[in-house]
PDB file of N, CA and C in Angstrom:
ATOM      1  N   MET A   1     -13.042  61.120  20.678  1.00  0.00           N
ATOM      2  CA  MET A   1     -14.341  60.526  20.850  1.00  0.00           C
ATOM      3  C   MET A   1     -14.996  60.370  19.487  1.00  0.00           C
ATOM      4  N   VAL A   2     -15.578  59.234  19.256  1.00  0.00           N
ATOM      5  CA  VAL A   2     -16.198  58.932  17.974  1.00  0.00           C
ATOM      6  C   VAL A   2     -17.700  59.169  18.082  1.00  0.00           C
ATOM      7  N   ASN A   3     -18.261  59.880  17.115  1.00  0.00           N
ATOM      8  CA  ASN A   3     -19.694  60.117  17.077  1.00  0.00           C
ATOM      9  C   ASN A   3     -20.344  58.972  16.316  1.00  0.00           C
ATOM     10  N   THR A   4     -20.780  57.945  17.046  1.00  0.00           N
ATOM     11  CA  THR A   4     -21.340  56.755  16.402  1.00  0.00           C
ATOM     12  C   THR A   4     -22.681  57.038  15.741  1.00  0.00           C
ATOM     13  N   LEU A   5     -23.443  57.984  16.275  1.00  0.00           N
ATOM     14  CA  LEU A   5     -24.733  58.333  15.658  1.00  0.00           C
ATOM     15  C   LEU A   5     -24.519  58.912  14.261  1.00  0.00           C
ATOM     16  N   SER A   6     -23.510  59.757  14.133  1.00  0.00           N
ATOM     17  CA  SER A   6     -23.202  60.345  12.834  1.00  0.00           C
ATOM     18  C   SER A   6     -22.726  59.274  11.848  1.00  0.00           C
ATOM     19  N   ILE A   7     -21.911  58.360  12.338  1.00  0.00           N
ATOM     20  CA  ILE A   7     -21.427  57.279  11.462  1.00  0.00           C
ATOM     21  C   ILE A   7     -22.600  56.418  11.004  1.00  0.00           C
ATOM     22  N   ALA A   8     -23.485  56.072  11.934  1.00  0.00           N
ATOM     23  CA  ALA A   8     -24.647  55.248  11.579  1.00  0.00           C
ATOM     24  C   ALA A   8     -25.529  55.967  10.564  1.00  0.00           C
ATOM     25  N   SER A   9     -25.720  57.262  10.735  1.00  0.00           N
ATOM     26  CA  SER A   9     -26.531  58.031   9.785  1.00  0.00           C
ATOM     27  C   SER A   9     -25.885  58.050   8.403  1.00  0.00           C
ATOM     28  N   ASP A  10     -24.568  58.259   8.376  1.00  0.00           N
ATOM     29  CA  ASP A  10     -23.866  58.272   7.084  1.00  0.00           C
ATOM     30  C   ASP A  10     -23.962  56.919   6.384  1.00  0.00           C
ATOM     31  N   LEU A  11     -23.824  55.853   7.149  1.00  0.00           N
ATOM     32  CA  LEU A  11     -23.918  54.518   6.556  1.00  0.00           C
ATOM     33  C   LEU A  11     -25.334  54.241   6.055  1.00  0.00           C
ATOM     34  N   SER A  12     -26.328  54.696   6.808  1.00  0.00           N
ATOM     35  CA  SER A  12     -27.723  54.517   6.371  1.00  0.00           C
ATOM     36  C   SER A  12     -27.984  55.260   5.077  1.00  0.00           C
ATOM     37  N   GLU A  13     -27.480  56.466   4.983  1.00  0.00           N
ATOM     38  CA  GLU A  13     -27.654  57.255   3.764  1.00  0.00           C
ATOM     39  C   GLU A  13     -26.930  56.631   2.579  1.00  0.00           C
ATOM     40  N   ALA A  14     -25.880  55.867   2.857  1.00  0.00           N
ATOM     41  CA  ALA A  14     -25.125  55.217   1.783  1.00  0.00           C
ATOM     42  C   ALA A  14     -25.796  53.933   1.317  1.00  0.00           C
ATOM     43  N   GLY A  15     -26.885  53.534   2.000  1.00  0.00           N
ATOM     44  CA  GLY A  15     -27.625  52.373   1.532  1.00  0.00           C
ATOM     45  C   GLY A  15     -27.552  51.161   2.428  1.00  0.00           C
ATOM     46  N   ILE A  16     -26.869  51.242   3.543  1.00  0.00           N
ATOM     47  CA  ILE A  16     -26.792  50.114   4.473  1.00  0.00           C
ATOM     48  C   ILE A  16     -28.009  50.189   5.396  1.00  0.00           C
ATOM     49  N   GLU A  17     -28.617  49.047   5.662  1.00  0.00           N
ATOM     50  CA  GLU A  17     -29.794  49.027   6.532  1.00  0.00           C
ATOM     51  C   GLU A  17     -29.434  49.571   7.912  1.00  0.00           C
ATOM     52  N   ARG A  18     -30.410  50.247   8.521  1.00  0.00           N
ATOM     53  CA  ARG A  18     -30.166  50.965   9.787  1.00  0.00           C
ATOM     54  C   ARG A  18     -29.603  50.060  10.894  1.00  0.00           C
ATOM     55  N   PRO A  19     -30.135  48.850  11.151  1.00  0.00           N
ATOM     56  CA  PRO A  19     -29.561  48.015  12.224  1.00  0.00           C
ATOM     57  C   PRO A  19     -28.100  47.651  11.959  1.00  0.00           C
ATOM     58  N   HIS A  20     -27.787  47.383  10.681  1.00  0.00           N
ATOM     59  CA  HIS A  20     -26.402  47.051  10.329  1.00  0.00           C
ATOM     60  C   HIS A  20     -25.497  48.277  10.481  1.00  0.00           C
ATOM     61  N   ALA A  21     -26.008  49.422  10.075  1.00  0.00           N
ATOM     62  CA  ALA A  21     -25.229  50.657  10.193  1.00  0.00           C
ATOM     63  C   ALA A  21     -24.928  50.964  11.656  1.00  0.00           C
ATOM     64  N   GLU A  22     -25.925  50.765  12.522  1.00  0.00           N
ATOM     65  CA  GLU A  22     -25.708  51.002  13.954  1.00  0.00           C
ATOM     66  C   GLU A  22     -24.692  50.023  14.537  1.00  0.00           C
ATOM     67  N   ALA A  23     -24.756  48.771  14.109  1.00  0.00           N
ATOM     68  CA  ALA A  23     -23.803  47.768  14.595  1.00  0.00           C
ATOM     69  C   ALA A  23     -22.380  48.124  14.166  1.00  0.00           C
ATOM     70  N   ILE A  24     -22.221  48.546  12.938  1.00  0.00           N
ATOM     71  CA  ILE A  24     -20.900  48.937  12.444  1.00  0.00           C
ATOM     72  C   ILE A  24     -20.386  50.157  13.206  1.00  0.00           C
ATOM     73  N   ALA A  25     -21.246  51.137  13.416  1.00  0.00           N
ATOM     74  CA  ALA A  25     -20.847  52.350  14.127  1.00  0.00           C
ATOM     75  C   ALA A  25     -20.450  52.028  15.579  1.00  0.00           C
ATOM     76  N   ASN A  26     -21.212  51.158  16.212  1.00  0.00           N
ATOM     77  CA  ASN A  26     -20.873  50.763  17.583  1.00  0.00           C
ATOM     78  C   ASN A  26     -19.540  50.025  17.636  1.00  0.00           C
ATOM     79  N   ALA A  27     -19.282  49.190  16.644  1.00  0.00           N
ATOM     80  CA  ALA A  27     -17.998  48.475  16.602  1.00  0.00           C
ATOM     81  C   ALA A  27     -16.845  49.451  16.432  1.00  0.00           C
ATOM     82  N   ILE A  28     -17.011  50.443  15.596  1.00  0.00           N
ATOM     83  CA  ILE A  28     -15.963  51.457  15.402  1.00  0.00           C
ATOM     84  C   ILE A  28     -15.732  52.226  16.695  1.00  0.00           C
ATOM     85  N   GLY A  29     -16.813  52.605  17.375  1.00  0.00           N
ATOM     86  CA  GLY A  29     -16.686  53.328  18.637  1.00  0.00           C
ATOM     87  C   GLY A  29     -15.995  52.500  19.694  1.00  0.00           C
ATOM     88  N   THR A  30     -16.308  51.218  19.773  1.00  0.00           N
ATOM     89  CA  THR A  30     -15.671  50.331  20.756  1.00  0.00           C
ATOM     90  C   THR A  30     -14.182  50.194  20.480  1.00  0.00           C
ATOM     91  N   ARG A  31     -13.815  50.035  19.241  1.00  0.00           N
ATOM     92  CA  ARG A  31     -12.395  49.899  18.889  1.00  0.00           C
ATOM     93  C   ARG A  31     -11.626  51.173  19.230  1.00  0.00           C
ATOM     94  N   GLN A  32     -12.231  52.311  19.006  1.00  0.00           N
ATOM     95  CA  GLN A  32     -11.579  53.580  19.324  1.00  0.00           C
ATOM     96  C   GLN A  32     -11.345  53.687  20.828  1.00  0.00           C
ATOM     97  N   GLU A  33     -12.326  53.268  21.629  1.00  0.00           N
ATOM     98  CA  GLU A  33     -12.176  53.297  23.086  1.00  0.00           C
ATOM     99  C   GLU A  33     -11.075  52.337  23.538  1.00  0.00           C
ATOM    100  N   ASP A  34     -10.980  51.167  22.884  1.00  0.00           N
ATOM    101  CA  ASP A  34      -9.928  50.211  23.224  1.00  0.00           C
ATOM    102  C   ASP A  34      -8.551  50.799  22.978  1.00  0.00           C
ATOM    103  N   VAL A  35      -8.397  51.499  21.870  1.00  0.00           N
ATOM    104  CA  VAL A  35      -7.109  52.114  21.538  1.00  0.00           C
ATOM    105  C   VAL A  35      -6.753  53.169  22.578  1.00  0.00           C
ATOM    106  N   ALA A  36      -7.715  53.991  22.965  1.00  0.00           N
ATOM    107  CA  ALA A  36      -7.466  55.029  23.967  1.00  0.00           C
ATOM    108  C   ALA A  36      -7.091  54.397  25.301  1.00  0.00           C
ATOM    109  N   THR A  37      -7.743  53.303  25.666  1.00  0.00           N
ATOM    110  CA  THR A  37      -7.427  52.615  26.928  1.00  0.00           C
ATOM    111  C   THR A  37      -6.025  52.035  26.882  1.00  0.00           C
ATOM    112  N   LYS A  38      -5.639  51.445  25.761  1.00  0.00           N
ATOM    113  CA  LYS A  38      -4.296  50.874  25.638  1.00  0.00           C
ATOM    114  C   LYS A  38      -3.234  51.961  25.752  1.00  0.00           C
ATOM    115  N   ASP A  39      -3.468  53.111  25.138  1.00  0.00           N
ATOM    116  CA  ASP A  39      -2.512  54.213  25.246  1.00  0.00           C
ATOM    117  C   ASP A  39      -2.381  54.674  26.686  1.00  0.00           C
ATOM    118  N   PHE A  40      -3.501  54.741  27.398  1.00  0.00           N
ATOM    119  CA  PHE A  40      -3.485  55.152  28.799  1.00  0.00           C
ATOM    120  C   PHE A  40      -2.699  54.145  29.635  1.00  0.00           C
ATOM    121  N   VAL A  41      -2.925  52.863  29.390  1.00  0.00           N
ATOM    122  CA  VAL A  41      -2.225  51.819  30.144  1.00  0.00           C
ATOM    123  C   VAL A  41      -0.725  51.883  29.865  1.00  0.00           C
ATOM    124  N   ARG A  42      -0.351  52.103  28.627  1.00  0.00           N
ATOM    125  CA  ARG A  42       1.075  52.217  28.293  1.00  0.00           C
ATOM    126  C   ARG A  42       1.719  53.397  29.013  1.00  0.00           C
ATOM    127  N   ALA A  43       1.015  54.505  29.082  1.00  0.00           N
ATOM    128  CA  ALA A  43       1.544  55.676  29.782  1.00  0.00           C
ATOM    129  C   ALA A  43       1.701  55.387  31.274  1.00  0.00           C
ATOM    130  N   GLU A  44       0.743  54.703  31.861  1.00  0.00           N
ATOM    131  CA  GLU A  44       0.823  54.361  33.282  1.00  0.00           C
ATOM    132  C   GLU A  44       1.986  53.408  33.540  1.00  0.00           C
ATOM    133  N   ILE A  45       2.172  52.429  32.673  1.00  0.00           N
ATOM    134  CA  ILE A  45       3.278  51.485  32.836  1.00  0.00           C
ATOM    135  C   ILE A  45       4.613  52.215  32.732  1.00  0.00           C
ATOM    136  N   SER A  46       4.716  53.124  31.802  1.00  0.00           N
ATOM    137  CA  SER A  46       5.944  53.896  31.647  1.00  0.00           C
ATOM    138  C   SER A  46       6.249  54.697  32.911  1.00  0.00           C
ATOM    139  N   THR A  47       5.224  55.316  33.483  1.00  0.00           N
ATOM    140  CA  THR A  47       5.403  56.082  34.717  1.00  0.00           C
ATOM    141  C   THR A  47       5.847  55.176  35.858  1.00  0.00           C
ATOM    142  N   LEU A  48       5.232  54.016  35.967  1.00  0.00           N
ATOM    143  CA  LEU A  48       5.594  53.083  37.030  1.00  0.00           C
ATOM    144  C   LEU A  48       7.014  52.554  36.852  1.00  0.00           C
ATOM    145  N   GLU A  49       7.423  52.313  35.615  1.00  0.00           N
ATOM    146  CA  GLU A  49       8.789  51.862  35.358  1.00  0.00           C
ATOM    147  C   GLU A  49       9.798  52.913  35.807  1.00  0.00           C
ATOM    148  N   THR A  50       9.514  54.162  35.507  1.00  0.00           N
ATOM    149  CA  THR A  50      10.407  55.244  35.908  1.00  0.00           C
ATOM    150  C   THR A  50      10.515  55.319  37.426  1.00  0.00           C
ATOM    151  N   ARG A  51       9.381  55.229  38.115  1.00  0.00           N
ATOM    152  CA  ARG A  51       9.405  55.275  39.580  1.00  0.00           C
ATOM    153  C   ARG A  51      10.168  54.089  40.155  1.00  0.00           C
ATOM    154  N   LEU A  52      10.004  52.913  39.568  1.00  0.00           N
ATOM    155  CA  LEU A  52      10.689  51.725  40.058  1.00  0.00           C
ATOM    156  C   LEU A  52      12.196  51.844  39.887  1.00  0.00           C
ATOM    157  N   VAL A  53      12.635  52.339  38.742  1.00  0.00           N
ATOM    158  CA  VAL A  53      14.069  52.509  38.506  1.00  0.00           C
ATOM    159  C   VAL A  53      14.659  53.509  39.492  1.00  0.00           C
ATOM    160  N   ARG A  54      13.961  54.612  39.728  1.00  0.00           N
ATOM    161  CA  ARG A  54      14.448  55.602  40.696  1.00  0.00           C
ATOM    162  C   ARG A  54      14.553  54.989  42.091  1.00  0.00           C
ATOM    163  N   TRP A  55      13.565  54.220  42.478  1.00  0.00           N
ATOM    164  CA  TRP A  55      13.575  53.581  43.789  1.00  0.00           C
ATOM    165  C   TRP A  55      14.740  52.598  43.899  1.00  0.00           C
ATOM    166  N   MET A  56      14.980  51.827  42.845  1.00  0.00           N
ATOM    167  CA  MET A  56      16.061  50.849  42.863  1.00  0.00           C
ATOM    168  C   MET A  56      17.419  51.536  42.941  1.00  0.00           C
ATOM    169  N   VAL A  57      17.621  52.608  42.194  1.00  0.00           N
ATOM    170  CA  VAL A  57      18.886  53.336  42.228  1.00  0.00           C
ATOM    171  C   VAL A  57      19.102  53.924  43.619  1.00  0.00           C
ATOM    172  N   GLY A  58      18.067  54.487  44.198  1.00  0.00           N
ATOM    173  CA  GLY A  58      18.169  55.035  45.553  1.00  0.00           C
ATOM    174  C   GLY A  58      18.509  53.962  46.566  1.00  0.00           C
ATOM    175  N   THR A  59      17.925  52.804  46.418  1.00  0.00           N
ATOM    176  CA  THR A  59      18.205  51.691  47.332  1.00  0.00           C
ATOM    177  C   THR A  59      19.660  51.238  47.202  1.00  0.00           C
ATOM    178  N   VAL A  60      20.163  51.183  45.991  1.00  0.00           N
ATOM    179  CA  VAL A  60      21.562  50.781  45.786  1.00  0.00           C
ATOM    180  C   VAL A  60      22.493  51.793  46.442  1.00  0.00           C
ATOM    181  N   PHE A  61      22.234  53.084  46.269  1.00  0.00           N
ATOM    182  CA  PHE A  61      23.067  54.103  46.905  1.00  0.00           C
ATOM    183  C   PHE A  61      23.001  54.015  48.429  1.00  0.00           C
ATOM    184  N   ALA A  62      21.813  53.806  48.964  1.00  0.00           N
ATOM    185  CA  ALA A  62      21.663  53.703  50.413  1.00  0.00           C
ATOM    186  C   ALA A  62      22.395  52.475  50.952  1.00  0.00           C
ATOM    187  N   ALA A  63      22.274  51.353  50.263  1.00  0.00           N
ATOM    188  CA  ALA A  63      22.953  50.133  50.703  1.00  0.00           C
ATOM    189  C   ALA A  63      24.468  50.306  50.608  1.00  0.00           C
ATOM    190  N   SER A  64      24.931  50.966  49.554  1.00  0.00           N
ATOM    191  CA  SER A  64      26.373  51.213  49.419  1.00  0.00           C
ATOM    192  C   SER A  64      26.870  52.109  50.547  1.00  0.00           C
ATOM    193  N   GLY A  65      26.114  53.127  50.881  1.00  0.00           N
ATOM    194  CA  GLY A  65      26.496  54.014  51.972  1.00  0.00           C
ATOM    195  C   GLY A  65      26.563  53.272  53.288  1.00  0.00           C
ATOM    196  N   LEU A  66      25.599  52.419  53.550  1.00  0.00           N
ATOM    197  CA  LEU A  66      25.618  51.630  54.789  1.00  0.00           C
ATOM    198  C   LEU A  66      26.802  50.671  54.812  1.00  0.00           C
ATOM    199  N   LEU A  67      27.112  50.074  53.689  1.00  0.00           N
ATOM    200  CA  LEU A  67      28.247  49.153  53.621  1.00  0.00           C
ATOM    201  C   LEU A  67      29.552  49.887  53.900  1.00  0.00           C
ATOM    202  N   PHE A  68      29.765  51.035  53.286  1.00  0.00           N
ATOM    203  CA  PHE A  68      30.991  51.796  53.520  1.00  0.00           C
ATOM    204  C   PHE A  68      31.060  52.306  54.953  1.00  0.00           C
ATOM    205  N   ALA A  69      29.940  52.686  55.526  1.00  0.00           N
ATOM    206  CA  ALA A  69      29.918  53.126  56.926  1.00  0.00           C
ATOM    207  C   ALA A  69      30.277  51.972  57.843  1.00  0.00           C
ATOM    208  N   ALA A  70      29.762  50.776  57.562  1.00  0.00           N
ATOM    209  CA  ALA A  70      30.082  49.618  58.383  1.00  0.00           C
ATOM    210  C   ALA A  70      31.549  49.225  58.241  1.00  0.00           C
ATOM    211  N   LEU A  71      32.100  49.375  57.040  1.00  0.00           N
ATOM    212  CA  LEU A  71      33.495  49.009  56.824  1.00  0.00           C
ATOM    213  C   LEU A  71      34.458  49.959  57.552  1.00  0.00           C
ATOM    214  N   ARG A  72      34.046  51.168  57.826  1.00  0.00           N
ATOM    215  CA  ARG A  72      34.909  52.123  58.556  1.00  0.00           C
ATOM    216  C   ARG A  72      35.163  51.662  59.986  1.00  0.00           C
ATOM    217  N   PHE A  73      34.208  50.918  60.542  1.00  0.00           N
ATOM    218  CA  PHE A  73      34.342  50.461  61.916  1.00  0.00           C
ATOM    219  C   PHE A  73      35.141  49.170  62.044  1.00  0.00           C
ATOM    220  N   ILE A  74      35.441  48.526  60.947  1.00  0.00           N
ATOM    221  CA  ILE A  74      36.246  47.302  60.988  1.00  0.00           C
ATOM    222  C   ILE A  74      37.711  47.699  60.886  1.00  0.00           C
ATOM    223  N   PRO A  75      38.514  47.268  61.868  1.00  0.00           N
ATOM    224  CA  PRO A  75      39.932  47.682  61.847  1.00  0.00           C
ATOM    225  C   PRO A  75      40.730  47.049  60.733  1.00  0.00           C
TER     226      PRO A  75
END
């Protein structure tokens, strides 16, 4: 979490006008939140990919089992 108030205060003390300092601090805070959201989305996608692969492998095994069971009944 980014402390935008602290950033704005530091920028003001460095000589940047207060409205500009606040705008810069807010932009930094927004970008940090975007990065955190992207990381979260990537983690969720990775989890979903893993679940999908497991489901697909299970489906292939189940279909293979049904096929072999059906072939046993054919003379």
